[in-house]
Protein backbone atom coordinates (compact mmCIF):
# COMPACT_ATOMS: atom_id res chain seq x y z
CA MET A 1 -54.83 170.80 -140.59
CA PHE A 2 -54.36 167.14 -139.65
CA HIS A 3 -51.97 166.15 -136.82
CA TYR A 4 -50.27 162.75 -136.85
CA ASP A 5 -47.98 160.93 -134.41
CA TYR A 6 -45.92 158.00 -135.71
CA LYS A 7 -44.19 155.48 -133.46
CA THR A 8 -40.86 154.68 -135.07
CA SER A 9 -39.22 151.27 -135.33
CA GLY A 10 -35.52 150.40 -135.48
CA THR A 11 -34.18 153.89 -134.74
CA CYS A 12 -32.97 155.91 -131.77
CA SER A 13 -35.92 158.27 -132.15
CA GLN A 14 -39.13 156.89 -130.69
CA LEU A 15 -41.81 159.17 -132.15
CA ILE A 16 -42.31 161.54 -135.06
CA SER A 17 -45.04 164.19 -134.88
CA PHE A 18 -46.14 166.43 -137.72
CA ASP A 19 -49.06 168.27 -139.27
CA LEU A 20 -50.46 167.85 -142.76
CA ASP A 21 -52.11 170.62 -144.73
CA GLY A 22 -53.41 168.53 -147.59
CA ASN A 23 -50.25 166.79 -148.77
CA ILE A 24 -47.88 169.44 -147.37
CA VAL A 25 -45.88 168.50 -144.26
CA LYS A 26 -45.44 171.05 -141.47
CA ASN A 27 -44.17 171.23 -137.88
CA VAL A 28 -42.10 168.02 -137.88
CA SER A 29 -40.61 167.04 -134.54
CA PHE A 30 -38.82 163.93 -133.30
CA VAL A 31 -38.71 162.46 -129.80
CA GLY A 32 -35.30 160.95 -129.10
CA GLY A 33 -32.50 160.47 -131.60
CA CYS A 34 -29.66 162.80 -132.59
CA ASN A 35 -31.12 166.18 -131.71
CA GLY A 36 -29.09 168.37 -134.06
CA ASN A 37 -29.45 166.12 -137.09
CA LEU A 38 -33.17 165.67 -136.56
CA GLN A 39 -33.73 169.41 -136.15
CA GLY A 40 -31.96 169.81 -139.49
CA VAL A 41 -34.07 167.14 -141.20
CA SER A 42 -37.22 168.70 -139.74
CA ARG A 43 -36.35 172.13 -141.10
CA LEU A 44 -35.35 170.79 -144.50
CA VAL A 45 -38.67 169.00 -145.06
CA GLU A 46 -40.84 171.85 -143.74
CA GLY A 47 -43.33 172.77 -146.45
CA SER A 48 -42.46 169.78 -148.66
CA SER A 49 -45.05 167.45 -150.14
CA VAL A 50 -45.54 163.91 -148.89
CA GLU A 51 -44.47 162.60 -152.31
CA ASP A 52 -41.25 164.63 -152.30
CA ILE A 53 -40.27 163.44 -148.81
CA VAL A 54 -41.04 159.79 -149.65
CA THR A 55 -39.02 160.01 -152.87
CA LYS A 56 -35.99 161.63 -151.24
CA LEU A 57 -35.83 159.83 -147.89
CA SER A 58 -37.16 156.28 -148.41
CA GLY A 59 -34.56 153.56 -148.10
CA ILE A 60 -31.87 155.56 -146.27
CA LYS A 61 -30.06 153.32 -143.79
CA CYS A 62 -28.22 154.23 -140.59
CA GLY A 63 -25.01 152.24 -140.26
CA PHE A 64 -25.84 148.53 -140.20
CA LYS A 65 -29.56 149.13 -139.50
CA ASN A 66 -32.16 148.52 -142.21
CA THR A 67 -33.76 151.92 -141.58
CA SER A 68 -32.94 155.42 -140.33
CA CYS A 69 -34.73 158.43 -138.92
CA PRO A 70 -35.14 159.92 -142.43
CA ASP A 71 -36.50 156.58 -143.70
CA GLN A 72 -38.90 156.44 -140.75
CA LEU A 73 -40.01 160.00 -141.56
CA ALA A 74 -40.82 158.88 -145.11
CA LYS A 75 -42.91 156.01 -143.71
CA ALA A 76 -44.55 158.37 -141.20
CA VAL A 77 -45.68 160.99 -143.72
CA LYS A 78 -47.00 158.29 -146.04
CA ALA A 79 -48.98 156.70 -143.19
CA GLY A 80 -50.18 160.10 -141.98
CA TYR A 81 -51.35 161.11 -145.43
CA GLU A 82 -53.30 157.87 -145.81
CA ALA A 83 -54.86 158.38 -142.35
CA SER A 84 -55.82 161.96 -143.22
CA LYS A 85 -57.83 160.75 -146.20
CA ALA A 86 -59.76 158.13 -144.16
């Protein structure tokens, strides 16, 4: 199991933490942001592959911002997966 912490950019949440079991994402948690929504996102992606999360969540915007917490999660799992292979 590989643990990864990702510092977010451009969102209310400041940090995303998760574990990787190969390319499967587990134990996602956010620091900051809209608590209820982010708990929901975390539960929905539990057990999903990095590829599935990136495909579904990349490019989502929050209001007038160029990113969102789901978009940042897509970036985080991609970065975490790359780091786990290094």
